[in-house]
PDB file of N, CA and C in Angstrom:
ATOM      1  N   MET A   1      12.377  -3.567  33.618  1.00  0.00           N
ATOM      2  CA  MET A   1      12.933  -4.693  32.897  1.00  0.00           C
ATOM      3  C   MET A   1      13.699  -4.152  31.693  1.00  0.00           C
ATOM      4  N   ARG A   2      14.772  -4.813  31.312  1.00  0.00           N
ATOM      5  CA  ARG A   2      15.556  -4.435  30.146  1.00  0.00           C
ATOM      6  C   ARG A   2      15.040  -5.185  28.928  1.00  0.00           C
ATOM      7  N   TYR A   3      14.876  -4.429  27.836  1.00  0.00           N
ATOM      8  CA  TYR A   3      14.440  -4.985  26.560  1.00  0.00           C
ATOM      9  C   TYR A   3      15.495  -4.672  25.509  1.00  0.00           C
ATOM     10  N   PHE A   4      15.632  -5.580  24.558  1.00  0.00           N
ATOM     11  CA  PHE A   4      16.580  -5.429  23.463  1.00  0.00           C
ATOM     12  C   PHE A   4      15.784  -5.306  22.174  1.00  0.00           C
ATOM     13  N   PHE A   5      16.188  -4.351  21.329  1.00  0.00           N
ATOM     14  CA  PHE A   5      15.443  -4.025  20.117  1.00  0.00           C
ATOM     15  C   PHE A   5      16.321  -4.361  18.908  1.00  0.00           C
ATOM     16  N   HIS A   6      16.264  -5.610  18.483  1.00  0.00           N
ATOM     17  CA  HIS A   6      17.042  -6.067  17.335  1.00  0.00           C
ATOM     18  C   HIS A   6      16.275  -5.734  16.056  1.00  0.00           C
ATOM     19  N   VAL A   7      17.010  -5.476  14.979  1.00  0.00           N
ATOM     20  CA  VAL A   7      16.396  -5.270  13.668  1.00  0.00           C
ATOM     21  C   VAL A   7      16.756  -6.497  12.833  1.00  0.00           C
ATOM     22  N   VAL A   8      15.726  -7.221  12.393  1.00  0.00           N
ATOM     23  CA  VAL A   8      15.955  -8.498  11.722  1.00  0.00           C
ATOM     24  C   VAL A   8      15.265  -8.550  10.367  1.00  0.00           C
ATOM     25  N   GLY A   9      15.941  -9.220   9.438  1.00  0.00           N
ATOM     26  CA  GLY A   9      15.397  -9.474   8.112  1.00  0.00           C
ATOM     27  C   GLY A   9      15.601 -10.942   7.785  1.00  0.00           C
ATOM     28  N   ALA A  10      15.322 -11.312   6.563  1.00  0.00           N
ATOM     29  CA  ALA A  10      15.466 -12.712   6.147  1.00  0.00           C
ATOM     30  C   ALA A  10      16.913 -13.185   6.250  1.00  0.00           C
ATOM     31  N   ARG A  11      17.853 -12.301   5.907  1.00  0.00           N
ATOM     32  CA  ARG A  11      19.263 -12.709   5.905  1.00  0.00           C
ATOM     33  C   ARG A  11      20.148 -11.876   6.822  1.00  0.00           C
ATOM     34  N   ASP A  12      19.633 -10.772   7.318  1.00  0.00           N
ATOM     35  CA  ASP A  12      20.436  -9.870   8.150  1.00  0.00           C
ATOM     36  C   ASP A  12      19.820  -9.712   9.530  1.00  0.00           C
ATOM     37  N   ARG A  13      20.706  -9.457  10.482  1.00  0.00           N
ATOM     38  CA  ARG A  13      20.269  -9.238  11.861  1.00  0.00           C
ATOM     39  C   ARG A  13      21.198  -8.204  12.477  1.00  0.00           C
ATOM     40  N   PHE A  14      20.619  -7.134  13.000  1.00  0.00           N
ATOM     41  CA  PHE A  14      21.383  -6.082  13.655  1.00  0.00           C
ATOM     42  C   PHE A  14      21.032  -6.126  15.137  1.00  0.00           C
ATOM     43  N   GLU A  15      22.002  -6.551  15.933  1.00  0.00           N
ATOM     44  CA  GLU A  15      21.779  -6.794  17.361  1.00  0.00           C
ATOM     45  C   GLU A  15      21.865  -5.517  18.192  1.00  0.00           C
ATOM     46  N   ASP A  16      20.944  -5.364  19.091  1.00  0.00           N
ATOM     47  CA  ASP A  16      20.997  -4.336  20.123  1.00  0.00           C
ATOM     48  C   ASP A  16      21.677  -4.987  21.321  1.00  0.00           C
ATOM     49  N   THR A  17      22.932  -4.657  21.563  1.00  0.00           N
ATOM     50  CA  THR A  17      23.681  -5.315  22.637  1.00  0.00           C
ATOM     51  C   THR A  17      23.532  -4.617  23.980  1.00  0.00           C
ATOM     52  N   LEU A  18      23.025  -3.378  23.971  1.00  0.00           N
ATOM     53  CA  LEU A  18      22.879  -2.636  25.222  1.00  0.00           C
ATOM     54  C   LEU A  18      21.491  -2.748  25.821  1.00  0.00           C
ATOM     55  N   GLY A  19      20.493  -2.732  24.963  1.00  0.00           N
ATOM     56  CA  GLY A  19      19.120  -2.767  25.455  1.00  0.00           C
ATOM     57  C   GLY A  19      18.733  -1.446  26.097  1.00  0.00           C
ATOM     58  N   GLN A  20      17.512  -1.426  26.575  1.00  0.00           N
ATOM     59  CA  GLN A  20      16.989  -0.227  27.219  1.00  0.00           C
ATOM     60  C   GLN A  20      16.005  -0.641  28.290  1.00  0.00           C
ATOM     61  N   HIS A  21      16.051   0.050  29.423  1.00  0.00           N
ATOM     62  CA  HIS A  21      15.090  -0.234  30.489  1.00  0.00           C
ATOM     63  C   HIS A  21      13.753   0.381  30.119  1.00  0.00           C
ATOM     64  N   CYS A  22      12.696  -0.405  30.222  1.00  0.00           N
ATOM     65  CA  CYS A  22      11.326   0.065  30.017  1.00  0.00           C
ATOM     66  C   CYS A  22      10.515  -0.386  31.230  1.00  0.00           C
ATOM     67  N   PRO A  23       9.640   0.461  31.720  1.00  0.00           N
ATOM     68  CA  PRO A  23       8.882   0.106  32.922  1.00  0.00           C
ATOM     69  C   PRO A  23       7.907  -1.052  32.733  1.00  0.00           C
ATOM     70  N   ASP A  24       7.443  -1.250  31.471  1.00  0.00           N
ATOM     71  CA  ASP A  24       6.499  -2.336  31.212  1.00  0.00           C
ATOM     72  C   ASP A  24       6.500  -2.661  29.723  1.00  0.00           C
ATOM     73  N   ILE A  25       5.768  -3.685  29.347  1.00  0.00           N
ATOM     74  CA  ILE A  25       5.727  -4.132  27.958  1.00  0.00           C
ATOM     75  C   ILE A  25       5.114  -3.068  27.050  1.00  0.00           C
ATOM     76  N   GLU A  26       4.188  -2.303  27.556  1.00  0.00           N
ATOM     77  CA  GLU A  26       3.580  -1.244  26.737  1.00  0.00           C
ATOM     78  C   GLU A  26       4.619  -0.197  26.339  1.00  0.00           C
ATOM     79  N   ALA A  27       5.512   0.147  27.239  1.00  0.00           N
ATOM     80  CA  ALA A  27       6.578   1.101  26.917  1.00  0.00           C
ATOM     81  C   ALA A  27       7.532   0.499  25.893  1.00  0.00           C
ATOM     82  N   ALA A  28       7.795  -0.794  25.992  1.00  0.00           N
ATOM     83  CA  ALA A  28       8.647  -1.472  25.009  1.00  0.00           C
ATOM     84  C   ALA A  28       7.970  -1.501  23.642  1.00  0.00           C
ATOM     85  N   LYS A  29       6.667  -1.713  23.599  1.00  0.00           N
ATOM     86  CA  LYS A  29       5.924  -1.685  22.330  1.00  0.00           C
ATOM     87  C   LYS A  29       5.988  -0.302  21.696  1.00  0.00           C
ATOM     88  N   THR A  30       5.857   0.723  22.508  1.00  0.00           N
ATOM     89  CA  THR A  30       5.940   2.093  22.008  1.00  0.00           C
ATOM     90  C   THR A  30       7.320   2.371  21.436  1.00  0.00           C
ATOM     91  N   LYS A  31       8.367   1.927  22.123  1.00  0.00           N
ATOM     92  CA  LYS A  31       9.738   2.109  21.650  1.00  0.00           C
ATOM     93  C   LYS A  31       9.954   1.372  20.329  1.00  0.00           C
ATOM     94  N   ALA A  32       9.451   0.144  20.207  1.00  0.00           N
ATOM     95  CA  ALA A  32       9.588  -0.629  18.967  1.00  0.00           C
ATOM     96  C   ALA A  32       8.883   0.076  17.812  1.00  0.00           C
ATOM     97  N   ALA A  33       7.718   0.641  18.063  1.00  0.00           N
ATOM     98  CA  ALA A  33       6.986   1.367  17.024  1.00  0.00           C
ATOM     99  C   ALA A  33       7.755   2.613  16.601  1.00  0.00           C
ATOM    100  N   LEU A  34       8.384   3.285  17.543  1.00  0.00           N
ATOM    101  CA  LEU A  34       9.183   4.466  17.237  1.00  0.00           C
ATOM    102  C   LEU A  34      10.385   4.102  16.366  1.00  0.00           C
ATOM    103  N   ILE A  35      11.100   3.044  16.736  1.00  0.00           N
ATOM    104  CA  ILE A  35      12.247   2.583  15.946  1.00  0.00           C
ATOM    105  C   ILE A  35      11.790   2.189  14.549  1.00  0.00           C
ATOM    106  N   SER A  36      10.719   1.439  14.475  1.00  0.00           N
ATOM    107  CA  SER A  36      10.184   1.003  13.188  1.00  0.00           C
ATOM    108  C   SER A  36       9.817   2.196  12.316  1.00  0.00           C
ATOM    109  N   GLY A  37       9.163   3.182  12.893  1.00  0.00           N
ATOM    110  CA  GLY A  37       8.768   4.369  12.146  1.00  0.00           C
ATOM    111  C   GLY A  37       9.955   5.160  11.630  1.00  0.00           C
ATOM    112  N   GLU A  38      10.996   5.259  12.450  1.00  0.00           N
ATOM    113  CA  GLU A  38      12.202   5.974  12.028  1.00  0.00           C
ATOM    114  C   GLU A  38      12.889   5.241  10.879  1.00  0.00           C
ATOM    115  N   LEU A  39      13.001   3.932  10.983  1.00  0.00           N
ATOM    116  CA  LEU A  39      13.651   3.162   9.922  1.00  0.00           C
ATOM    117  C   LEU A  39      12.830   3.158   8.635  1.00  0.00           C
ATOM    118  N   ALA A  40      11.515   3.212   8.757  1.00  0.00           N
ATOM    119  CA  ALA A  40      10.645   3.209   7.582  1.00  0.00           C
ATOM    120  C   ALA A  40      10.847   4.463   6.725  1.00  0.00           C
ATOM    121  N   GLN A  41      11.428   5.501   7.303  1.00  0.00           N
ATOM    122  CA  GLN A  41      11.711   6.725   6.561  1.00  0.00           C
ATOM    123  C   GLN A  41      12.820   6.514   5.527  1.00  0.00           C
ATOM    124  N   ASP A  42      13.677   5.519   5.770  1.00  0.00           N
ATOM    125  CA  ASP A  42      14.810   5.241   4.889  1.00  0.00           C
ATOM    126  C   ASP A  42      14.490   4.081   3.956  1.00  0.00           C
ATOM    127  N   LEU A  43      15.095   4.094   2.799  1.00  0.00           N
ATOM    128  CA  LEU A  43      14.945   2.981   1.864  1.00  0.00           C
ATOM    129  C   LEU A  43      15.773   1.792   2.325  1.00  0.00           C
ATOM    130  N   GLY A  44      15.370   0.610   1.919  1.00  0.00           N
ATOM    131  CA  GLY A  44      16.168  -0.576   2.178  1.00  0.00           C
ATOM    132  C   GLY A  44      15.752  -1.408   3.374  1.00  0.00           C
ATOM    133  N   TRP A  45      14.692  -1.016   4.063  1.00  0.00           N
ATOM    134  CA  TRP A  45      14.268  -1.771   5.243  1.00  0.00           C
ATOM    135  C   TRP A  45      13.019  -2.606   4.989  1.00  0.00           C
ATOM    136  N   ASP A  46      12.650  -2.770   3.709  1.00  0.00           N
ATOM    137  CA  ASP A  46      11.504  -3.623   3.397  1.00  0.00           C
ATOM    138  C   ASP A  46      11.786  -5.037   3.886  1.00  0.00           C
ATOM    139  N   ASP A  47      10.794  -5.703   4.375  1.00  0.00           N
ATOM    140  CA  ASP A  47      10.902  -7.083   4.881  1.00  0.00           C
ATOM    141  C   ASP A  47      11.751  -7.199   6.142  1.00  0.00           C
ATOM    142  N   PHE A  48      11.947  -6.103   6.857  1.00  0.00           N
ATOM    143  CA  PHE A  48      12.624  -6.135   8.156  1.00  0.00           C
ATOM    144  C   PHE A  48      11.595  -5.902   9.246  1.00  0.00           C
ATOM    145  N   ALA A  49      11.980  -6.231  10.472  1.00  0.00           N
ATOM    146  CA  ALA A  49      11.124  -5.996  11.634  1.00  0.00           C
ATOM    147  C   ALA A  49      11.987  -5.651  12.834  1.00  0.00           C
ATOM    148  N   VAL A  50      11.389  -4.976  13.790  1.00  0.00           N
ATOM    149  CA  VAL A  50      12.035  -4.739  15.073  1.00  0.00           C
ATOM    150  C   VAL A  50      11.597  -5.880  15.986  1.00  0.00           C
ATOM    151  N   LEU A  51      12.572  -6.641  16.432  1.00  0.00           N
ATOM    152  CA  LEU A  51      12.323  -7.792  17.296  1.00  0.00           C
ATOM    153  C   LEU A  51      12.649  -7.389  18.727  1.00  0.00           C
ATOM    154  N   VAL A  52      11.681  -7.492  19.613  1.00  0.00           N
ATOM    155  CA  VAL A  52      11.868  -7.101  21.007  1.00  0.00           C
ATOM    156  C   VAL A  52      12.043  -8.367  21.849  1.00  0.00           C
ATOM    157  N   ILE A  53      13.166  -8.398  22.562  1.00  0.00           N
ATOM    158  CA  ILE A  53      13.513  -9.532  23.425  1.00  0.00           C
ATOM    159  C   ILE A  53      13.635  -9.012  24.860  1.00  0.00           C
ATOM    160  N   ASP A  54      13.047  -9.717  25.815  1.00  0.00           N
ATOM    161  CA  ASP A  54      13.198  -9.271  27.201  1.00  0.00           C
ATOM    162  C   ASP A  54      14.529  -9.742  27.773  1.00  0.00           C
ATOM    163  N   GLU A  55      14.832  -9.331  28.975  1.00  0.00           N
ATOM    164  CA  GLU A  55      16.128  -9.636  29.587  1.00  0.00           C
ATOM    165  C   GLU A  55      16.333 -11.124  29.868  1.00  0.00           C
ATOM    166  N   TYR A  56      15.270 -11.908  29.741  1.00  0.00           N
ATOM    167  CA  TYR A  56      15.374 -13.351  29.927  1.00  0.00           C
ATOM    168  C   TYR A  56      15.553 -14.095  28.601  1.00  0.00           C
ATOM    169  N   GLY A  57      15.599 -13.330  27.483  1.00  0.00           N
ATOM    170  CA  GLY A  57      15.794 -13.935  26.178  1.00  0.00           C
ATOM    171  C   GLY A  57      14.515 -14.349  25.481  1.00  0.00           C
ATOM    172  N   LYS A  58      13.379 -13.950  26.029  1.00  0.00           N
ATOM    173  CA  LYS A  58      12.087 -14.310  25.450  1.00  0.00           C
ATOM    174  C   LYS A  58      11.640 -13.242  24.452  1.00  0.00           C
ATOM    175  N   GLU A  59      11.222 -13.686  23.254  1.00  0.00           N
ATOM    176  CA  GLU A  59      10.664 -12.755  22.270  1.00  0.00           C
ATOM    177  C   GLU A  59       9.303 -12.304  22.756  1.00  0.00           C
ATOM    178  N   VAL A  60       9.125 -10.991  22.843  1.00  0.00           N
ATOM    179  CA  VAL A  60       7.846 -10.462  23.319  1.00  0.00           C
ATOM    180  C   VAL A  60       7.077  -9.713  22.245  1.00  0.00           C
ATOM    181  N   LEU A  61       7.769  -9.341  21.149  1.00  0.00           N
ATOM    182  CA  LEU A  61       7.095  -8.580  20.105  1.00  0.00           C
ATOM    183  C   LEU A  61       7.952  -8.577  18.844  1.00  0.00           C
ATOM    184  N   ARG A  62       7.280  -8.575  17.715  1.00  0.00           N
ATOM    185  CA  ARG A  62       7.932  -8.397  16.415  1.00  0.00           C
ATOM    186  C   ARG A  62       7.117  -7.344  15.673  1.00  0.00           C
ATOM    187  N   HIS A  63       7.712  -6.162  15.491  1.00  0.00           N
ATOM    188  CA  HIS A  63       7.015  -5.036  14.862  1.00  0.00           C
ATOM    189  C   HIS A  63       7.569  -4.823  13.463  1.00  0.00           C
ATOM    190  N   PRO A  64       6.764  -5.053  12.402  1.00  0.00           N
ATOM    191  CA  PRO A  64       7.273  -4.896  11.033  1.00  0.00           C
ATOM    192  C   PRO A  64       7.618  -3.443  10.717  1.00  0.00           C
ATOM    193  N   ILE A  65       8.609  -3.283   9.853  1.00  0.00           N
ATOM    194  CA  ILE A  65       8.987  -1.953   9.370  1.00  0.00           C
ATOM    195  C   ILE A  65       8.268  -1.751   8.051  1.00  0.00           C
ATOM    196  N   ASP A  66       7.223  -0.938   8.093  1.00  0.00           N
ATOM    197  CA  ASP A  66       6.386  -0.694   6.917  1.00  0.00           C
ATOM    198  C   ASP A  66       6.540   0.749   6.474  1.00  0.00           C
ATOM    199  N   ARG A  67       6.531   0.934   5.160  1.00  0.00           N
ATOM    200  CA  ARG A  67       6.602   2.295   4.608  1.00  0.00           C
ATOM    201  C   ARG A  67       5.227   2.903   4.591  1.00  0.00           C
TER     202      ARG A  67
END
């Protein structure tokens, strides 16, 4: 299944227009945690989250970006 990993905040939204194939939801959760961890290394991502949407447009996970 294809999942999209958007980065969202209160006023900003960075869309993942390509998405990535993941074999299951657990792999998508792992990918979201990896993205979140990488972004947490940089300043300015407080109050943002990685929003995971499946290929049907359903939100399946919201992973906060925490320092």
